[in-house]
Amino acid sequence: MTPLYCPECGARLEVRPLEGEGTVPYCPSCQAWRFPRYNTAVSMIVRSVFDGRILLIQQYGRPRWILVAGYVNPGESLEAAARREVLEETGLHVTRVQFNRSEYFPPSDTLMCNFVCEVQDLGLLHPNQEVDTCAFFTPEKARQAIFHGSLAERFLLAHLDGVPDSR
């Protein structure tokens, strides 16, 4: 989605060709290229190192199982954000973080970066106020329970099925 107005001066942007870049928004007032900006977030497939079960959560009064997720803070690495979000939302400490895949999510103008996070201290599961409920599922039960048609489902199924990211 191309921004309509310059974030610096507010002038209407024009889409112009830029050698080696394709078409890029350009501000005729500032005489500057304005590359698209978007939010960055992480989502996590939280797995038990003991038995491979997967943690799914429900939140905001919605009765659908999803993955733990959250926005990346300025200056924070994606891996640090993954560890922080899992700890904040579940109380669990991540022992290993491995990139799974990423996908742009247009409804919130967000680049979602998905990770597989391993946890050991399952007895310390303490969801915060953002999480209505959470539970560990076997991989097959997680496959059935995850909110169908969601980005979370695409990430989970790609991980479970070992599908390489071909985009």
C-alpha atoms as a PDB file:
ATOM      1  CA  MET A   1       0.000   0.000   0.000  1.00  0.00           C
ATOM      2  CA  THR A   2       1.582   3.273  -1.113  1.00  0.00           C
ATOM      3  CA  PRO A   3       1.255   6.205   1.284  1.00  0.00           C
ATOM      4  CA  LEU A   4      -0.718   9.086  -0.218  1.00  0.00           C
ATOM      5  CA  TYR A   5       1.051  11.934   1.559  1.00  0.00           C
ATOM      6  CA  CYS A   6       4.621  12.768   2.524  1.00  0.00           C
ATOM      7  CA  PRO A   7       5.308  11.951   6.191  1.00  0.00           C
ATOM      8  CA  GLU A   8       7.648  14.982   6.367  1.00  0.00           C
ATOM      9  CA  CYS A   9       5.722  17.844   4.708  1.00  0.00           C
ATOM     10  CA  GLY A  10       2.249  16.446   4.015  1.00  0.00           C
ATOM     11  CA  ALA A  11       2.378  16.993   0.228  1.00  0.00           C
ATOM     12  CA  ARG A  12       0.640  14.450  -2.001  1.00  0.00           C
ATOM     13  CA  LEU A  13       3.088  11.788  -3.185  1.00  0.00           C
ATOM     14  CA  GLU A  14       3.614  10.739  -6.783  1.00  0.00           C
ATOM     15  CA  VAL A  15       4.661   7.233  -7.795  1.00  0.00           C
ATOM     16  CA  ARG A  16       7.715   7.470 -10.041  1.00  0.00           C
ATOM     17  CA  PRO A  17      10.178   4.959 -11.467  1.00  0.00           C
ATOM     18  CA  LEU A  18      13.511   4.839  -9.629  1.00  0.00           C
ATOM     19  CA  GLU A  19      16.349   3.035 -11.370  1.00  0.00           C
ATOM     20  CA  GLY A  20      17.068  -0.284  -9.725  1.00  0.00           C
ATOM     21  CA  GLU A  21      14.077   0.029  -7.348  1.00  0.00           C
ATOM     22  CA  GLY A  22      10.956  -0.093  -9.523  1.00  0.00           C
ATOM     23  CA  THR A  23       8.268   2.464  -8.752  1.00  0.00           C
ATOM     24  CA  VAL A  24       8.650   4.389  -5.494  1.00  0.00           C
ATOM     25  CA  PRO A  25       6.606   7.185  -3.893  1.00  0.00           C
ATOM     26  CA  TYR A  26       8.210  10.587  -4.487  1.00  0.00           C
ATOM     27  CA  CYS A  27       7.539  13.922  -2.781  1.00  0.00           C
ATOM     28  CA  PRO A  28       7.754  16.751  -5.322  1.00  0.00           C
ATOM     29  CA  SER A  29       7.765  19.322  -2.505  1.00  0.00           C
ATOM     30  CA  CYS A  30      10.707  17.809  -0.556  1.00  0.00           C
ATOM     31  CA  GLN A  31      12.238  16.401  -3.744  1.00  0.00           C
ATOM     32  CA  ALA A  32      12.794  13.126  -1.898  1.00  0.00           C
ATOM     33  CA  TRP A  33      11.916   9.462  -2.354  1.00  0.00           C
ATOM     34  CA  ARG A  34       9.577   8.146   0.343  1.00  0.00           C
ATOM     35  CA  PHE A  35       9.939   4.400   0.631  1.00  0.00           C
ATOM     36  CA  PRO A  36       6.938   2.627   2.187  1.00  0.00           C
ATOM     37  CA  ARG A  37       6.856   2.269   5.964  1.00  0.00           C
ATOM     38  CA  TYR A  38       4.911  -0.369   7.835  1.00  0.00           C
ATOM     39  CA  ASN A  39       4.598  -1.954  11.255  1.00  0.00           C
ATOM     40  CA  THR A  40       6.756  -4.918  12.239  1.00  0.00           C
ATOM     41  CA  ALA A  41       5.497  -7.674  14.505  1.00  0.00           C
ATOM     42  CA  VAL A  42       6.494 -11.157  15.600  1.00  0.00           C
ATOM     43  CA  SER A  43       4.364 -14.257  16.058  1.00  0.00           C
ATOM     44  CA  MET A  44       5.568 -17.373  17.780  1.00  0.00           C
ATOM     45  CA  ILE A  45       4.937 -21.084  17.560  1.00  0.00           C
ATOM     46  CA  VAL A  46       5.736 -21.881  21.208  1.00  0.00           C
ATOM     47  CA  ARG A  47       6.843 -25.531  21.572  1.00  0.00           C
ATOM     48  CA  SER A  48       7.644 -27.621  24.619  1.00  0.00           C
ATOM     49  CA  VAL A  49      11.140 -29.100  24.412  1.00  0.00           C
ATOM     50  CA  PHE A  50       9.862 -32.088  26.419  1.00  0.00           C
ATOM     51  CA  ASP A  51       7.031 -33.378  24.240  1.00  0.00           C
ATOM     52  CA  GLY A  52       6.684 -31.044  21.229  1.00  0.00           C
ATOM     53  CA  ARG A  53       3.268 -29.757  22.276  1.00  0.00           C
ATOM     54  CA  ILE A  54       2.351 -26.308  20.941  1.00  0.00           C
ATOM     55  CA  LEU A  55       0.923 -23.420  22.955  1.00  0.00           C
ATOM     56  CA  LEU A  56      -2.107 -21.636  21.512  1.00  0.00           C
ATOM     57  CA  ILE A  57      -3.891 -18.677  23.062  1.00  0.00           C
ATOM     58  CA  GLN A  58      -7.266 -16.956  22.940  1.00  0.00           C
ATOM     59  CA  GLN A  59      -7.500 -13.224  23.584  1.00  0.00           C
ATOM     60  CA  TYR A  60      -9.676 -10.116  23.462  1.00  0.00           C
ATOM     61  CA  GLY A  61     -12.870 -12.099  24.030  1.00  0.00           C
ATOM     62  CA  ARG A  62     -12.562 -13.954  20.731  1.00  0.00           C
ATOM     63  CA  PRO A  63     -13.139 -17.724  20.967  1.00  0.00           C
ATOM     64  CA  ARG A  64     -10.444 -18.667  18.468  1.00  0.00           C
ATOM     65  CA  TRP A  65      -7.045 -20.235  19.025  1.00  0.00           C
ATOM     66  CA  ILE A  66      -4.089 -18.244  17.681  1.00  0.00           C
ATOM     67  CA  LEU A  67      -0.334 -17.876  18.174  1.00  0.00           C
ATOM     68  CA  VAL A  68       1.363 -15.570  20.664  1.00  0.00           C
ATOM     69  CA  ALA A  69       2.229 -12.335  18.836  1.00  0.00           C
ATOM     70  CA  GLY A  70       3.179  -8.709  19.362  1.00  0.00           C
ATOM     71  CA  TYR A  71       4.835  -5.647  17.893  1.00  0.00           C
ATOM     72  CA  VAL A  72       8.577  -5.074  17.754  1.00  0.00           C
ATOM     73  CA  ASN A  73       9.784  -2.107  19.797  1.00  0.00           C
ATOM     74  CA  PRO A  74      12.088   0.510  18.211  1.00  0.00           C
ATOM     75  CA  GLY A  75      15.704  -0.690  18.418  1.00  0.00           C
ATOM     76  CA  GLU A  76      14.681  -4.239  19.381  1.00  0.00           C
ATOM     77  CA  SER A  77      15.797  -7.268  17.362  1.00  0.00           C
ATOM     78  CA  LEU A  78      13.135  -9.651  16.084  1.00  0.00           C
ATOM     79  CA  GLU A  79      14.517 -12.448  18.266  1.00  0.00           C
ATOM     80  CA  ALA A  80      14.466 -10.258  21.378  1.00  0.00           C
ATOM     81  CA  ALA A  81      10.883  -9.239  20.601  1.00  0.00           C
ATOM     82  CA  ALA A  82       9.892 -12.913  20.263  1.00  0.00           C
ATOM     83  CA  ARG A  83      11.423 -13.747  23.653  1.00  0.00           C
ATOM     84  CA  ARG A  84       9.869 -10.677  25.294  1.00  0.00           C
ATOM     85  CA  GLU A  85       6.368 -11.262  23.917  1.00  0.00           C
ATOM     86  CA  VAL A  86       6.320 -14.925  24.983  1.00  0.00           C
ATOM     87  CA  LEU A  87       7.480 -13.943  28.479  1.00  0.00           C
ATOM     88  CA  GLU A  88       5.019 -11.029  28.778  1.00  0.00           C
ATOM     89  CA  GLU A  89       1.975 -12.929  27.532  1.00  0.00           C
ATOM     90  CA  THR A  90       2.637 -16.371  29.069  1.00  0.00           C
ATOM     91  CA  GLY A  91       5.326 -16.060  31.753  1.00  0.00           C
ATOM     92  CA  LEU A  92       7.433 -18.642  29.892  1.00  0.00           C
ATOM     93  CA  HIS A  93      11.153 -18.175  29.210  1.00  0.00           C
ATOM     94  CA  VAL A  94      12.233 -19.038  25.668  1.00  0.00           C
ATOM     95  CA  THR A  95      15.351 -21.214  25.450  1.00  0.00           C
ATOM     96  CA  ARG A  96      15.685 -21.255  21.649  1.00  0.00           C
ATOM     97  CA  VAL A  97      14.397 -19.031  18.836  1.00  0.00           C
ATOM     98  CA  GLN A  98      14.378 -20.156  15.194  1.00  0.00           C
ATOM     99  CA  PHE A  99      12.997 -18.175  12.257  1.00  0.00           C
ATOM    100  CA  ASN A 100      10.120 -19.875  10.424  1.00  0.00           C
ATOM    101  CA  ARG A 101       8.863 -17.422   7.771  1.00  0.00           C
ATOM    102  CA  SER A 102       7.421 -13.942   7.241  1.00  0.00           C
ATOM    103  CA  GLU A 103       4.423 -12.504   5.454  1.00  0.00           C
ATOM    104  CA  TYR A 104       3.027  -9.016   4.940  1.00  0.00           C
ATOM    105  CA  PHE A 105      -0.417  -8.661   6.576  1.00  0.00           C
ATOM    106  CA  PRO A 106      -2.397  -5.910   4.772  1.00  0.00           C
ATOM    107  CA  PRO A 107      -5.269  -5.421   7.288  1.00  0.00           C
ATOM    108  CA  SER A 108      -2.861  -3.906   9.838  1.00  0.00           C
ATOM    109  CA  ASP A 109      -0.106  -2.818   7.395  1.00  0.00           C
ATOM    110  CA  THR A 110       2.290  -5.125   9.229  1.00  0.00           C
ATOM    111  CA  LEU A 111       5.212  -7.340   8.302  1.00  0.00           C
ATOM    112  CA  MET A 112       4.676 -10.457  10.450  1.00  0.00           C
ATOM    113  CA  CYS A 113       7.853 -12.386  11.242  1.00  0.00           C
ATOM    114  CA  ASN A 114       7.175 -15.869  12.599  1.00  0.00           C
ATOM    115  CA  PHE A 115       9.483 -17.864  14.856  1.00  0.00           C
ATOM    116  CA  VAL A 116       9.489 -21.270  16.513  1.00  0.00           C
ATOM    117  CA  CYS A 117      10.308 -20.754  20.192  1.00  0.00           C
ATOM    118  CA  GLU A 118      11.192 -23.591  22.523  1.00  0.00           C
ATOM    119  CA  VAL A 119      10.284 -23.449  26.215  1.00  0.00           C
ATOM    120  CA  GLN A 120      11.107 -25.738  29.150  1.00  0.00           C
ATOM    121  CA  ASP A 121       9.459 -24.264  32.249  1.00  0.00           C
ATOM    122  CA  LEU A 122       5.886 -25.338  31.476  1.00  0.00           C
ATOM    123  CA  GLY A 123       4.894 -25.203  35.158  1.00  0.00           C
ATOM    124  CA  LEU A 124       5.503 -21.447  35.123  1.00  0.00           C
ATOM    125  CA  LEU A 125       2.734 -20.734  32.611  1.00  0.00           C
ATOM    126  CA  HIS A 126       1.098 -17.511  33.824  1.00  0.00           C
ATOM    127  CA  PRO A 127      -0.837 -15.674  31.107  1.00  0.00           C
ATOM    128  CA  ASN A 128      -1.132 -11.906  31.464  1.00  0.00           C
ATOM    129  CA  GLN A 129      -4.229  -9.718  31.069  1.00  0.00           C
ATOM    130  CA  GLU A 130      -3.962  -9.821  27.243  1.00  0.00           C
ATOM    131  CA  VAL A 131      -4.606 -13.580  27.181  1.00  0.00           C
ATOM    132  CA  ASP A 132      -8.070 -14.932  28.003  1.00  0.00           C
ATOM    133  CA  THR A 133      -6.935 -18.550  28.036  1.00  0.00           C
ATOM    134  CA  CYS A 134      -4.082 -20.689  26.761  1.00  0.00           C
ATOM    135  CA  ALA A 135      -3.348 -24.379  26.408  1.00  0.00           C
ATOM    136  CA  PHE A 136      -0.762 -26.767  25.027  1.00  0.00           C
ATOM    137  CA  PHE A 137      -1.884 -28.982  22.140  1.00  0.00           C
ATOM    138  CA  THR A 138      -0.272 -31.909  20.391  1.00  0.00           C
ATOM    139  CA  PRO A 139       0.800 -30.880  16.886  1.00  0.00           C
ATOM    140  CA  GLU A 140      -2.221 -32.663  15.368  1.00  0.00           C
ATOM    141  CA  LYS A 141      -4.666 -31.078  17.825  1.00  0.00           C
ATOM    142  CA  ALA A 142      -3.031 -27.651  17.235  1.00  0.00           C
ATOM    143  CA  ARG A 143      -3.513 -28.161  13.488  1.00  0.00           C
ATOM    144  CA  GLN A 144      -7.237 -28.732  14.122  1.00  0.00           C
ATOM    145  CA  ALA A 145      -7.703 -26.005  16.742  1.00  0.00           C
ATOM    146  CA  ILE A 146      -5.862 -23.068  15.115  1.00  0.00           C
ATOM    147  CA  PHE A 147      -8.140 -20.348  13.714  1.00  0.00           C
ATOM    148  CA  HIS A 148      -8.797 -21.500  10.152  1.00  0.00           C
ATOM    149  CA  GLY A 149      -7.977 -19.114   7.320  1.00  0.00           C
ATOM    150  CA  SER A 150      -5.696 -17.036   9.538  1.00  0.00           C
ATOM    151  CA  LEU A 151      -2.084 -16.017   9.094  1.00  0.00           C
ATOM    152  CA  ALA A 152      -1.385 -17.952  12.306  1.00  0.00           C
ATOM    153  CA  GLU A 153      -2.697 -21.095  10.612  1.00  0.00           C
ATOM    154  CA  ARG A 154      -0.479 -20.544   7.553  1.00  0.00           C
ATOM    155  CA  PHE A 155       2.588 -20.142   9.775  1.00  0.00           C
ATOM    156  CA  LEU A 156       1.736 -23.184  11.900  1.00  0.00           C
ATOM    157  CA  LEU A 157       0.945 -25.482   8.976  1.00  0.00           C
ATOM    158  CA  ALA A 158       4.096 -24.456   7.107  1.00  0.00           C
ATOM    159  CA  HIS A 159       6.122 -25.353  10.201  1.00  0.00           C
ATOM    160  CA  LEU A 160       4.332 -28.644  10.868  1.00  0.00           C
ATOM    161  CA  ASP A 161       4.452 -29.698   7.221  1.00  0.00           C
ATOM    162  CA  GLY A 162       8.056 -28.576   6.705  1.00  0.00           C
ATOM    163  CA  VAL A 163       7.075 -26.385   3.766  1.00  0.00           C
ATOM    164  CA  PRO A 164       9.925 -24.090   2.697  1.00  0.00           C
ATOM    165  CA  ASP A 165       9.097 -20.433   2.143  1.00  0.00           C
ATOM    166  CA  SER A 166       9.013 -20.120  -1.631  1.00  0.00           C
ATOM    167  CA  ARG A 167       8.072 -16.442  -1.908  1.00  0.00           C
END
